Amino acid sequence: MTLARPGLAELVAGVRELVDRSTAPRTTAFAVADMLRERLPSPEILTEEERLGDPGHYIGHTLHTEAAFSILAVVWRPGQETVIHDHIAWCVFGVLQGVEYETLYRLDGDHLAEIGRTANQTGEVSGFAPPGDIHRVRNTGDDTAISLHIYGADLRAAPSSIRRVYDLPVR
């Protein structure tokens, strides 16, 4: 991965410093979120071509990976969404452009219960850690959305940041 993208080198250094402190996953996620609020890059961290996205599905661009964390930028065209899922590690995300609509769920026996909804606006940052990280993300707006995701895992060693997909009824 290249660090020549605007703001990426500083971001990587900041995340590395926080991860090296070896705190609990939830504490690390919140610390990385606080740092990202101060260092949230612009959409220009991606090339013009990368910012276009893909008409068929949301697309992730891996910006940096190392043993303790990975940084991806995700481009969401209007109407694109994830499946309901949870994660293999803590995650922090910041919205660089547009709005990401997130629905949160709790596993309740043989079904999911919706426990919250949030419209994450440009400039907003959030973080979480398993367990309790079941969600779906979608772009409900009319414009392309771009978000930066930092995962507490080396995504070169895992096929995805998704641990489990939930295909259960929502009640």
Protein backbone atom coordinates (compact mmCIF):
# COMPACT_ATOMS: atom_id res chain seq x y z
CA MET A 1 0.00 0.00 0.00
CA THR A 2 1.14 3.52 -0.62
CA LEU A 3 1.23 6.28 1.94
CA ALA A 4 1.28 8.98 -0.76
CA ARG A 5 -2.42 9.67 -0.37
CA PRO A 6 -3.25 13.03 1.27
CA GLY A 7 -3.41 12.62 5.06
CA LEU A 8 -2.84 8.87 5.08
CA ALA A 9 0.69 8.85 6.53
CA GLU A 10 -0.42 10.92 9.53
CA LEU A 11 -3.48 8.77 10.01
CA VAL A 12 -1.46 5.54 9.91
CA ALA A 13 1.03 6.93 12.44
CA GLY A 14 -1.79 7.98 14.78
CA VAL A 15 -3.58 4.63 14.60
CA ARG A 16 -0.30 2.75 15.07
CA GLU A 17 0.48 4.75 18.22
CA LEU A 18 -2.93 3.98 19.73
CA VAL A 19 -2.90 0.30 18.77
CA ASP A 20 0.59 -0.14 20.22
CA ARG A 21 -0.79 0.77 23.66
CA SER A 22 -2.48 -2.69 23.67
CA THR A 23 -5.69 -1.66 25.43
CA ALA A 24 -9.00 -3.51 25.33
CA PRO A 25 -10.67 -3.57 21.87
CA ARG A 26 -13.55 -1.24 22.83
CA THR A 27 -11.13 1.24 24.43
CA THR A 28 -8.93 1.12 21.33
CA ALA A 29 -11.92 1.69 19.04
CA PHE A 30 -13.01 4.77 21.00
CA ALA A 31 -9.45 6.15 21.12
CA VAL A 32 -9.03 5.65 17.35
CA ALA A 33 -12.42 7.31 16.78
CA ASP A 34 -11.33 10.35 18.83
CA MET A 35 -8.11 10.58 16.82
CA LEU A 36 -9.95 10.17 13.50
CA ARG A 37 -12.27 13.08 14.39
CA GLU A 38 -9.17 15.29 14.49
CA ARG A 39 -7.54 13.80 11.37
CA LEU A 40 -10.47 12.87 9.14
CA PRO A 41 -9.15 13.22 5.59
CA SER A 42 -11.04 14.65 2.64
CA PRO A 43 -12.54 12.52 -0.13
CA GLU A 44 -9.39 13.36 -2.12
CA ILE A 45 -7.65 10.58 -0.21
CA LEU A 46 -9.08 8.62 -3.15
CA THR A 47 -8.35 9.30 -6.79
CA GLU A 48 -11.09 10.81 -8.92
CA GLU A 49 -11.66 7.43 -10.54
CA GLU A 50 -11.90 5.65 -7.15
CA ARG A 51 -14.46 8.20 -5.94
CA LEU A 52 -16.84 7.22 -8.77
CA GLY A 53 -17.68 3.87 -7.18
CA ASP A 54 -19.20 0.92 -8.98
CA PRO A 55 -22.78 0.91 -10.29
CA GLY A 56 -23.27 -2.73 -9.25
CA HIS A 57 -22.26 -2.63 -5.58
CA TYR A 58 -20.44 -0.61 -2.97
CA ILE A 59 -16.68 -0.90 -3.31
CA GLY A 60 -13.85 -0.85 -0.81
CA HIS A 61 -10.40 0.50 -1.58
CA THR A 62 -7.67 -0.84 0.70
CA LEU A 63 -5.42 2.08 1.64
CA HIS A 64 -3.19 0.45 4.26
CA THR A 65 -2.72 -2.88 6.02
CA GLU A 66 -0.34 -4.10 8.67
CA ALA A 67 -0.46 -6.76 11.37
CA ALA A 68 -2.58 -4.78 13.86
CA PHE A 69 -4.97 -2.79 11.67
CA SER A 70 -6.23 -1.98 8.18
CA ILE A 71 -7.62 1.18 6.60
CA LEU A 72 -10.18 1.08 3.79
CA ALA A 73 -12.20 3.71 1.98
CA VAL A 74 -15.69 2.59 0.93
CA VAL A 75 -17.62 4.22 -1.91
CA TRP A 76 -21.40 3.86 -1.85
CA ARG A 77 -23.57 4.91 -4.76
CA PRO A 78 -27.20 5.78 -4.00
CA GLY A 79 -29.19 2.73 -2.89
CA GLN A 80 -26.19 0.49 -2.21
CA GLU A 81 -26.08 -1.37 1.08
CA THR A 82 -24.40 -4.13 3.04
CA VAL A 83 -25.99 -7.29 4.30
CA ILE A 84 -26.72 -7.44 8.02
CA HIS A 85 -23.40 -8.44 9.56
CA ASP A 86 -20.95 -8.18 12.43
CA HIS A 87 -17.15 -7.86 12.45
CA ILE A 88 -14.02 -9.84 13.21
CA ALA A 89 -12.51 -6.93 15.18
CA TRP A 90 -13.12 -3.41 16.43
CA CYS A 91 -14.05 -0.90 13.74
CA VAL A 92 -14.03 2.87 13.41
CA PHE A 93 -15.55 4.76 10.50
CA GLY A 94 -15.76 8.36 9.44
CA VAL A 95 -17.97 9.79 6.70
CA LEU A 96 -15.94 11.77 4.16
CA GLN A 97 -18.80 12.60 1.81
CA GLY A 98 -22.56 12.11 1.79
CA VAL A 99 -24.64 10.30 4.38
CA GLU A 100 -24.40 6.69 5.54
CA TYR A 101 -27.54 5.32 7.11
CA GLU A 102 -26.87 2.64 9.72
CA THR A 103 -29.36 0.27 11.32
CA LEU A 104 -28.24 -1.52 14.50
CA TYR A 105 -29.53 -4.92 15.61
CA ARG A 106 -29.37 -7.28 18.56
CA LEU A 107 -29.52 -11.06 18.22
CA ASP A 108 -32.59 -12.22 20.11
CA GLY A 109 -32.80 -16.02 19.89
CA ASP A 110 -34.07 -16.98 16.43
CA HIS A 111 -34.46 -13.40 15.17
CA LEU A 112 -32.91 -9.95 15.16
CA ALA A 113 -34.35 -6.98 17.02
CA GLU A 114 -33.72 -3.51 15.64
CA ILE A 115 -32.18 -1.38 18.39
CA GLY A 116 -31.29 1.85 16.62
CA ARG A 117 -30.92 3.90 13.47
CA THR A 118 -28.44 6.62 12.69
CA ALA A 119 -27.86 8.87 9.69
CA ASN A 120 -24.11 9.47 9.81
CA GLN A 121 -23.40 12.81 8.12
CA THR A 122 -20.21 14.07 6.46
CA GLY A 123 -17.58 14.62 9.16
CA GLU A 124 -19.14 12.26 11.70
CA VAL A 125 -17.07 9.46 13.22
CA SER A 126 -18.12 6.40 15.22
CA GLY A 127 -16.53 3.25 16.58
CA PHE A 128 -17.52 -0.07 18.07
CA ALA A 129 -16.18 -3.48 19.00
CA PRO A 130 -17.66 -6.97 19.10
CA PRO A 131 -19.85 -8.21 20.61
CA GLY A 132 -22.82 -5.98 19.93
CA ASP A 133 -21.77 -4.76 16.50
CA ILE A 134 -24.51 -6.20 14.31
CA HIS A 135 -25.55 -3.67 11.68
CA ARG A 136 -26.42 -2.83 8.10
CA VAL A 137 -25.09 0.24 6.32
CA ARG A 138 -26.67 1.86 3.28
CA ASN A 139 -26.60 4.99 1.21
CA THR A 140 -30.15 6.32 1.25
CA GLY A 141 -29.17 9.64 -0.32
CA ASP A 142 -29.13 10.85 -3.90
CA ASP A 143 -25.35 11.37 -4.01
CA THR A 144 -22.35 9.07 -3.73
CA ALA A 145 -21.18 8.58 -0.14
CA ILE A 146 -17.58 7.86 0.88
CA SER A 147 -16.44 6.60 4.25
CA LEU A 148 -13.12 5.67 5.80
CA HIS A 149 -13.03 2.45 7.85
CA ILE A 150 -10.29 1.39 10.24
CA TYR A 151 -10.41 -2.22 11.40
CA GLY A 152 -8.39 -3.76 14.22
CA ALA A 153 -7.31 -6.63 11.98
CA ASP A 154 -4.91 -7.34 9.17
CA LEU A 155 -7.28 -7.72 6.24
CA ARG A 156 -4.50 -9.28 4.15
CA ALA A 157 -4.90 -12.32 6.45
CA ALA A 158 -8.71 -12.37 6.39
CA PRO A 159 -11.00 -12.45 3.38
CA SER A 160 -13.16 -9.66 4.83
CA SER A 161 -13.84 -7.59 7.93
CA ILE A 162 -17.19 -9.40 8.19
CA ARG A 163 -17.29 -12.19 10.72
CA ARG A 164 -20.85 -13.35 10.24
CA VAL A 165 -23.81 -12.51 7.98
CA TYR A 166 -27.28 -12.63 9.55
CA ASP A 167 -30.15 -13.96 7.46
CA LEU A 168 -32.74 -13.94 10.22
CA PRO A 169 -36.14 -12.28 10.48
CA VAL A 170 -36.16 -8.83 12.04
CA ARG A 171 -38.89 -8.30 14.62
